[in-house]
Amino acid sequence: MNAVLEVVSPGAMASLQDLGRPGLRRLGVPHAGALESEWLRLANALAGNPENAPAVEFLAGGLWVRAGGLPLRLALAGHFSAEVVGSGERRRVDSWRSLTLATGDSLRCGMPVVGRLGYLALAGMRLPQQFGSASTYARAGLGGIDGRLLASGARLAGTPCHGGERVLRTPPLVDAAPIRVVLGPQDDYFDTPSLERFLGGTYHVSPAADRMGMRLDGPVLRHRPEKGSEITSDATVPGSIQVPGQGLPIVLLADAQTAGGYPKIATVISADLPRLAVMAPGQPLRFAAVSVAAGELAARAREAALRALIAGIGPLEDARPVDAQALYAVNLVSGVVDAWAADGAAAVASAARRQE
């Protein structure tokens, strides 16, 4: 008998994603892959999987799964809590940990407290690869299960659970710092006041956001009349910020097309794109211009921070309870939240002191 996870309800836009298909955009194949690759890698590390293993990515909560066959091991990543139902009992579990589902038990993921996204990893899950990845790219029918979003009744095979449950000692912080961008390649299509509005104004995430891109509401950007609002189509990448004729930016995300005909005012650096991609509709953000060299340093720093987080994963029985609500309540630009503080007020005070 195998360990099988059945999808009772996929919630909003649930799909199977790994780290995507790098290096194929020149052939017209989008990158796809996890919108927040760090969270996917943490979920897999908690489940005991390779970091590039596929996991379930879901938007805005609502994912409901049930264990069939042998007991299985799951892991949760994202700022949400979940409920396990089994043997007539219900228990709440926080994210950033692994857990065991006995045969017949079900898990229901709640709405994210921060952002719009969560990940669920299944220990031992393997999927066929297309172009080197199992990531779902639904527009072309690639990856996942028959190239489609997850649907009710889908069954995912894993390995029977073994070993104890594990927890991430220090969950990733919520960072309210500006989203860093490298200007160009068509920033010369915009007048000086527009560039100043782009870097000095506040935008909000529009409800028109999916895996392909995110529209922003805020200061309108005007194209130079002599250049116009269109270009000969050229290459785009995840992070490209296109500005169509109506003047509001569109940030391209993991499923972005490989070419486009709107001027690109800037490109979000790879270290900050996941942070933007998980933002919920209505959430405010600002941009800050940096150099290519600064973007490369930020990418290295983010990878080093991830390695430190993974090194901090340990047995659940050795961990003190996390004050998750205090963690979610603190919105930091820098510093560390002590999520194991005696109470929420202590966690907030500890974080504030570190920012002084």
Protein backbone atom coordinates (compact mmCIF):
# COMPACT_ATOMS: atom_id res chain seq x y z
CA MET A 1 0.00 0.00 0.00
CA ASN A 2 1.23 3.50 -0.85
CA ALA A 3 0.91 6.81 0.95
CA VAL A 4 -1.59 8.86 -1.04
CA LEU A 5 -2.74 12.43 -0.54
CA GLU A 6 -6.15 13.20 -2.04
CA VAL A 7 -7.17 16.75 -2.90
CA VAL A 8 -10.67 17.24 -1.47
CA SER A 9 -10.78 20.91 -2.53
CA PRO A 10 -7.92 22.82 -4.17
CA GLY A 11 -8.97 26.26 -2.97
CA ALA A 12 -7.81 29.15 -5.15
CA MET A 13 -5.39 28.53 -8.02
CA ALA A 14 -3.60 25.56 -6.44
CA SER A 15 -0.87 24.04 -8.62
CA LEU A 16 2.18 21.84 -8.42
CA GLN A 17 5.44 23.81 -8.64
CA ASP A 18 9.15 23.23 -8.21
CA LEU A 19 11.96 25.68 -8.99
CA GLY A 20 10.93 26.01 -12.64
CA ARG A 21 12.58 25.81 -16.06
CA PRO A 22 15.57 28.17 -16.17
CA GLY A 23 17.46 28.79 -19.38
CA LEU A 24 14.68 28.07 -21.87
CA ARG A 25 13.15 31.52 -22.42
CA ARG A 26 15.14 31.90 -25.65
CA LEU A 27 13.04 28.99 -26.94
CA GLY A 28 9.77 30.61 -25.83
CA VAL A 29 9.37 28.44 -22.71
CA PRO A 30 8.51 30.51 -19.60
CA HIS A 31 10.34 29.88 -16.35
CA ALA A 32 7.23 28.99 -14.28
CA GLY A 33 8.08 27.50 -10.87
CA ALA A 34 7.27 28.73 -7.38
CA LEU A 35 6.33 32.38 -6.93
CA GLU A 36 8.19 32.30 -3.60
CA SER A 37 11.05 29.85 -4.17
CA GLU A 38 12.43 30.29 -0.63
CA TRP A 39 9.18 29.12 0.95
CA LEU A 40 9.00 26.13 -1.39
CA ARG A 41 12.56 25.18 -0.48
CA LEU A 42 11.77 25.52 3.24
CA ALA A 43 8.66 23.34 2.89
CA ASN A 44 10.70 20.66 1.15
CA ALA A 45 13.47 20.85 3.75
CA LEU A 46 10.89 20.39 6.52
CA ALA A 47 9.40 17.39 4.67
CA GLY A 48 12.83 15.82 4.08
CA ASN A 49 12.62 16.30 0.30
CA PRO A 50 15.24 17.69 -2.09
CA GLU A 51 14.85 21.46 -2.26
CA ASN A 52 13.77 21.31 -5.93
CA ALA A 53 11.03 18.72 -5.32
CA PRO A 54 7.51 19.71 -6.44
CA ALA A 55 5.05 20.95 -3.83
CA VAL A 56 1.54 22.37 -3.82
CA GLU A 57 1.38 26.16 -4.19
CA PHE A 58 -1.98 27.68 -3.32
CA LEU A 59 -3.33 31.22 -3.27
CA ALA A 60 -5.48 32.77 -0.55
CA GLY A 61 -6.02 29.59 1.48
CA GLY A 62 -8.80 27.03 1.16
CA LEU A 63 -6.68 23.99 0.30
CA TRP A 64 -8.25 20.82 1.76
CA VAL A 65 -6.49 17.44 1.53
CA ARG A 66 -6.99 13.96 3.01
CA ALA A 67 -4.59 11.08 3.66
CA GLY A 68 -5.29 7.71 2.07
CA GLY A 69 -3.33 4.49 2.26
CA LEU A 70 -0.46 4.64 4.73
CA PRO A 71 0.19 7.58 7.09
CA LEU A 72 2.13 10.34 5.38
CA ARG A 73 4.30 13.34 6.18
CA LEU A 74 3.41 16.88 5.12
CA ALA A 75 5.11 20.21 5.65
CA LEU A 76 3.63 23.72 5.60
CA ALA A 77 5.32 26.99 4.62
CA GLY A 78 3.71 30.41 4.59
CA HIS A 79 2.09 32.77 7.07
CA PHE A 80 -1.09 30.81 7.79
CA SER A 81 -2.42 28.19 10.15
CA ALA A 82 -4.24 24.95 9.38
CA GLU A 83 -6.62 22.49 10.99
CA VAL A 84 -6.20 18.72 11.19
CA VAL A 85 -9.38 16.66 11.52
CA GLY A 86 -9.23 12.97 12.39
CA SER A 87 -10.81 10.40 14.73
CA GLY A 88 -13.51 12.86 15.70
CA GLU A 89 -10.99 15.45 16.89
CA ARG A 90 -9.81 18.79 15.52
CA ARG A 91 -6.49 20.45 16.23
CA ARG A 92 -4.94 23.66 14.99
CA VAL A 93 -1.39 23.60 13.63
CA ASP A 94 0.81 26.54 12.71
CA SER A 95 2.84 26.70 9.54
CA TRP A 96 6.63 26.37 9.17
CA ARG A 97 6.59 22.77 10.40
CA SER A 98 6.05 19.20 9.29
CA LEU A 99 3.21 17.02 10.53
CA THR A 100 1.91 13.48 10.20
CA LEU A 101 -1.49 12.65 8.75
CA ALA A 102 -2.88 9.26 9.73
CA THR A 103 -5.01 7.35 7.25
CA GLY A 104 -8.31 9.18 6.84
CA ASP A 105 -7.13 12.39 8.50
CA SER A 106 -7.70 15.64 6.63
CA LEU A 107 -5.90 18.96 6.63
CA ARG A 108 -7.56 22.30 5.83
CA CYS A 109 -5.32 25.33 5.27
CA GLY A 110 -6.55 28.71 6.46
CA MET A 111 -6.29 32.13 4.86
CA PRO A 112 -2.81 33.66 4.95
CA VAL A 113 -2.35 36.22 7.72
CA VAL A 114 0.33 37.91 5.63
CA GLY A 115 0.31 37.94 1.82
CA ARG A 116 -1.68 35.60 -0.41
CA LEU A 117 0.33 32.42 -0.71
CA GLY A 118 1.16 29.11 0.95
CA TYR A 119 3.03 25.86 0.20
CA LEU A 120 2.34 22.26 1.16
CA ALA A 121 5.08 19.65 0.61
CA LEU A 122 4.45 15.90 0.62
CA ALA A 123 7.36 13.71 1.66
CA GLY A 124 8.60 11.60 -1.22
CA MET A 125 6.35 13.10 -3.89
CA ARG A 126 7.69 12.62 -7.41
CA LEU A 127 6.20 13.79 -10.69
CA PRO A 128 7.19 13.36 -14.35
CA GLN A 129 9.25 16.26 -15.70
CA GLN A 130 8.83 18.19 -18.93
CA PHE A 131 11.72 20.36 -20.06
CA GLY A 132 13.52 19.49 -16.84
CA SER A 133 10.76 20.52 -14.42
CA ALA A 134 7.48 19.28 -12.96
CA SER A 135 6.17 22.85 -12.57
CA THR A 136 2.67 23.48 -13.86
CA TYR A 137 2.42 26.02 -16.67
CA ALA A 138 -1.29 25.79 -17.37
CA ARG A 139 -1.32 28.10 -20.40
CA ALA A 140 0.74 25.56 -22.34
CA GLY A 141 -0.42 22.42 -20.57
CA LEU A 142 3.04 21.67 -19.15
CA GLY A 143 3.95 19.88 -15.94
CA GLY A 144 1.89 19.06 -12.88
CA ILE A 145 -0.96 16.63 -13.48
CA ASP A 146 -1.86 16.76 -17.18
CA GLY A 147 -0.63 20.36 -17.30
CA ARG A 148 -3.60 21.66 -15.31
CA LEU A 149 -4.26 23.37 -12.00
CA LEU A 150 -5.07 20.96 -9.17
CA ALA A 151 -8.68 19.82 -9.07
CA SER A 152 -10.82 18.01 -6.53
CA GLY A 153 -10.11 14.29 -6.64
CA ALA A 154 -6.45 14.62 -7.66
CA ARG A 155 -4.24 12.04 -5.95
CA LEU A 156 -0.59 12.62 -5.09
CA ALA A 157 1.67 9.69 -4.21
CA GLY A 158 4.30 9.99 -1.49
CA THR A 159 6.32 7.77 0.81
CA PRO A 160 5.12 6.51 4.18
CA CYS A 161 6.15 8.82 7.02
CA HIS A 162 9.25 8.07 9.04
CA GLY A 163 11.13 9.97 11.72
CA GLY A 164 9.82 12.71 13.96
CA GLU A 165 8.11 15.94 13.02
CA ARG A 166 10.28 19.03 12.52
CA VAL A 167 9.87 22.77 12.87
CA LEU A 168 11.60 25.85 11.47
CA ARG A 169 13.22 27.51 14.48
CA THR A 170 13.03 31.05 13.06
CA PRO A 171 10.33 31.65 10.41
CA PRO A 172 11.10 34.22 7.68
CA LEU A 173 10.29 37.79 8.64
CA VAL A 174 7.77 40.05 6.98
CA ASP A 175 9.78 42.80 5.29
CA ALA A 176 8.23 46.18 4.46
CA ALA A 177 11.36 47.63 2.82
CA PRO A 178 10.98 49.12 -0.68
CA ILE A 179 11.09 46.71 -3.61
CA ARG A 180 14.49 47.19 -5.23
CA VAL A 181 14.68 47.63 -9.00
CA VAL A 182 17.28 48.20 -11.68
CA LEU A 183 16.04 50.94 -14.01
CA GLY A 184 15.58 50.14 -17.69
CA PRO A 185 15.95 48.91 -20.30
CA GLN A 186 13.39 51.43 -21.62
CA ASP A 187 13.34 53.98 -18.79
CA ASP A 188 14.17 56.62 -21.44
CA TYR A 189 10.57 56.24 -22.69
CA PHE A 190 9.37 58.12 -19.59
CA ASP A 191 9.76 61.78 -18.66
CA THR A 192 11.59 62.88 -15.53
CA PRO A 193 8.43 63.57 -13.45
CA SER A 194 7.20 60.06 -14.23
CA LEU A 195 10.47 58.48 -13.10
CA GLU A 196 10.25 60.53 -9.91
CA ARG A 197 6.66 59.38 -9.32
CA PHE A 198 7.65 55.76 -9.97
CA LEU A 199 10.44 55.85 -7.36
CA GLY A 200 8.81 58.28 -4.94
CA GLY A 201 5.16 57.23 -4.94
CA THR A 202 3.21 54.47 -3.23
CA TYR A 203 1.54 51.74 -5.30
CA HIS A 204 -1.00 49.14 -4.23
CA VAL A 205 -1.41 45.60 -5.51
CA SER A 206 -4.44 45.38 -7.78
CA PRO A 207 -6.91 42.48 -7.57
CA ALA A 208 -5.77 41.76 -11.15
CA ALA A 209 -2.87 39.54 -10.07
CA ASP A 210 -2.09 35.94 -10.95
CA ARG A 211 0.98 33.80 -11.60
CA MET A 212 1.69 35.61 -14.87
CA GLY A 213 1.75 39.18 -13.59
CA MET A 214 0.55 41.75 -11.10
CA ARG A 215 -1.08 45.06 -11.99
CA LEU A 216 -0.41 47.98 -9.67
CA ASP A 217 -2.62 50.93 -8.79
CA GLY A 218 -1.01 54.27 -7.99
CA PRO A 219 0.81 57.17 -9.65
CA VAL A 220 0.26 57.25 -13.42
CA LEU A 221 3.43 57.19 -15.54
CA ARG A 222 3.51 59.13 -18.80
CA HIS A 223 5.42 58.07 -21.89
CA ARG A 224 7.42 60.62 -23.83
CA PRO A 225 5.22 61.71 -26.78
CA GLU A 226 8.06 61.31 -29.27
CA LYS A 227 8.60 57.69 -28.23
CA GLY A 228 5.06 56.49 -27.59
CA SER A 229 3.72 53.69 -25.41
CA GLU A 230 4.80 50.66 -27.48
CA ILE A 231 8.08 49.13 -28.59
CA THR A 232 9.10 46.43 -31.01
CA SER A 233 8.55 43.29 -28.96
CA ASP A 234 11.67 42.21 -27.15
CA ALA A 235 12.63 39.90 -24.30
CA THR A 236 10.97 40.00 -20.89
CA VAL A 237 11.90 38.20 -17.68
CA PRO A 238 10.14 37.61 -14.35
CA GLY A 239 10.51 40.97 -12.64
CA SER A 240 10.16 43.11 -15.78
CA ILE A 241 7.91 46.11 -15.09
CA GLN A 242 5.95 46.96 -18.22
CA VAL A 243 3.98 50.18 -18.56
CA PRO A 244 1.17 50.08 -21.16
CA GLY A 245 -0.52 53.16 -22.59
CA GLN A 246 -2.79 53.83 -19.59
CA GLY A 247 0.34 54.42 -17.47
CA LEU A 248 -0.03 51.90 -14.62
CA PRO A 249 2.78 49.36 -14.12
CA ILE A 250 2.48 45.61 -14.61
CA VAL A 251 5.09 43.47 -12.85
CA LEU A 252 5.73 40.16 -14.62
CA LEU A 253 5.94 37.07 -12.41
CA ALA A 254 6.96 33.42 -12.76
CA ASP A 255 4.59 32.51 -15.61
CA ALA A 256 5.43 35.65 -17.61
CA GLN A 257 5.51 35.55 -21.38
CA THR A 258 8.96 35.57 -22.97
CA ALA A 259 8.52 38.77 -25.03
CA GLY A 260 6.39 41.89 -24.90
CA GLY A 261 5.71 45.16 -26.70
CA TYR A 262 5.33 47.62 -23.80
CA PRO A 263 8.25 49.75 -22.54
CA LYS A 264 9.90 48.34 -19.43
CA ILE A 265 10.68 51.08 -16.93
CA ALA A 266 12.63 48.79 -14.58
CA THR A 267 13.27 45.21 -13.47
CA VAL A 268 12.72 43.93 -9.92
CA ILE A 269 15.87 42.29 -8.55
CA SER A 270 15.62 38.53 -8.00
CA ALA A 271 16.06 38.87 -4.22
CA ASP A 272 12.91 41.02 -3.92
CA LEU A 273 10.62 39.57 -6.60
CA PRO A 274 9.32 36.74 -4.36
CA ARG A 275 8.46 39.27 -1.65
CA LEU A 276 6.41 41.26 -4.16
CA ALA A 277 4.83 38.16 -5.73
CA VAL A 278 3.22 37.04 -2.45
CA MET A 279 1.65 40.43 -1.65
CA ALA A 280 -2.12 40.46 -1.30
CA PRO A 281 -4.49 42.78 -3.19
CA GLY A 282 -4.55 46.22 -1.60
CA GLN A 283 -1.12 45.86 -0.02
CA PRO A 284 1.08 48.99 -0.43
CA LEU A 285 4.60 48.99 -1.83
CA ARG A 286 7.29 51.41 -2.92
CA PHE A 287 10.22 51.04 -5.32
CA ALA A 288 13.88 51.96 -4.87
CA ALA A 289 16.52 52.02 -7.63
CA VAL A 290 19.76 50.05 -7.13
CA SER A 291 22.68 49.03 -9.31
CA VAL A 292 23.14 45.63 -10.91
CA ALA A 293 26.01 44.98 -8.51
CA ALA A 294 23.79 45.74 -5.52
CA GLY A 295 21.18 43.35 -6.88
CA GLU A 296 23.76 40.58 -7.16
CA LEU A 297 24.90 41.18 -3.57
CA ALA A 298 21.28 41.03 -2.40
CA ALA A 299 20.78 37.69 -4.17
CA ARG A 300 23.84 36.24 -2.44
CA ALA A 301 22.66 37.58 0.93
CA ARG A 302 19.21 36.05 0.43
CA GLU A 303 20.71 32.66 -0.37
CA ALA A 304 22.94 32.84 2.70
CA ALA A 305 19.93 33.73 4.87
CA LEU A 306 17.99 30.77 3.47
CA ARG A 307 20.84 28.40 4.24
CA ALA A 308 20.84 29.68 7.83
CA LEU A 309 17.08 29.15 8.11
CA ILE A 310 17.36 25.56 6.86
CA ALA A 311 20.19 24.92 9.31
CA GLY A 312 17.81 26.02 12.07
CA ILE A 313 15.26 23.28 11.36
CA GLY A 314 15.02 20.90 14.29
CA PRO A 315 12.81 18.31 16.00
CA LEU A 316 9.38 19.59 16.96
CA GLU A 317 9.64 18.19 20.47
CA ASP A 318 12.69 20.37 21.16
CA ALA A 319 10.98 23.60 20.15
CA ARG A 320 9.18 25.97 22.46
CA PRO A 321 5.77 27.16 21.24
CA VAL A 322 5.92 29.96 18.69
CA ASP A 323 3.80 33.03 19.33
CA ALA A 324 2.65 33.10 15.71
CA GLN A 325 0.25 36.00 16.11
CA ALA A 326 3.02 38.18 17.54
CA LEU A 327 5.24 37.22 14.63
CA TYR A 328 2.59 38.10 12.07
CA ALA A 329 1.87 41.41 13.81
CA VAL A 330 5.42 42.69 13.44
CA ASN A 331 6.23 44.29 10.08
CA LEU A 332 9.98 44.76 9.92
CA VAL A 333 12.39 46.45 7.58
CA SER A 334 15.29 44.85 9.40
CA GLY A 335 16.00 43.05 12.62
CA VAL A 336 14.78 39.83 14.17
CA VAL A 337 11.54 38.93 15.91
CA ASP A 338 11.84 36.72 18.99
CA ALA A 339 8.83 34.52 18.26
CA TRP A 340 9.51 32.49 21.41
CA ALA A 341 9.10 35.54 23.66
CA ALA A 342 6.89 35.12 26.70
CA ASP A 343 4.07 37.00 25.06
CA GLY A 344 3.25 39.01 21.96
CA ALA A 345 4.07 42.34 23.58
CA ALA A 346 7.55 41.10 24.45
CA ALA A 347 8.13 40.00 20.88
CA VAL A 348 7.08 43.37 19.52
CA ALA A 349 9.17 45.24 22.07
CA SER A 350 12.17 43.04 21.31
CA ALA A 351 11.83 43.76 17.59
CA ALA A 352 11.44 47.50 18.19
CA ARG A 353 14.60 47.64 20.28
CA ARG A 354 16.59 45.99 17.52
CA GLN A 355 15.45 48.62 15.02
CA GLU A 356 16.49 51.59 17.18
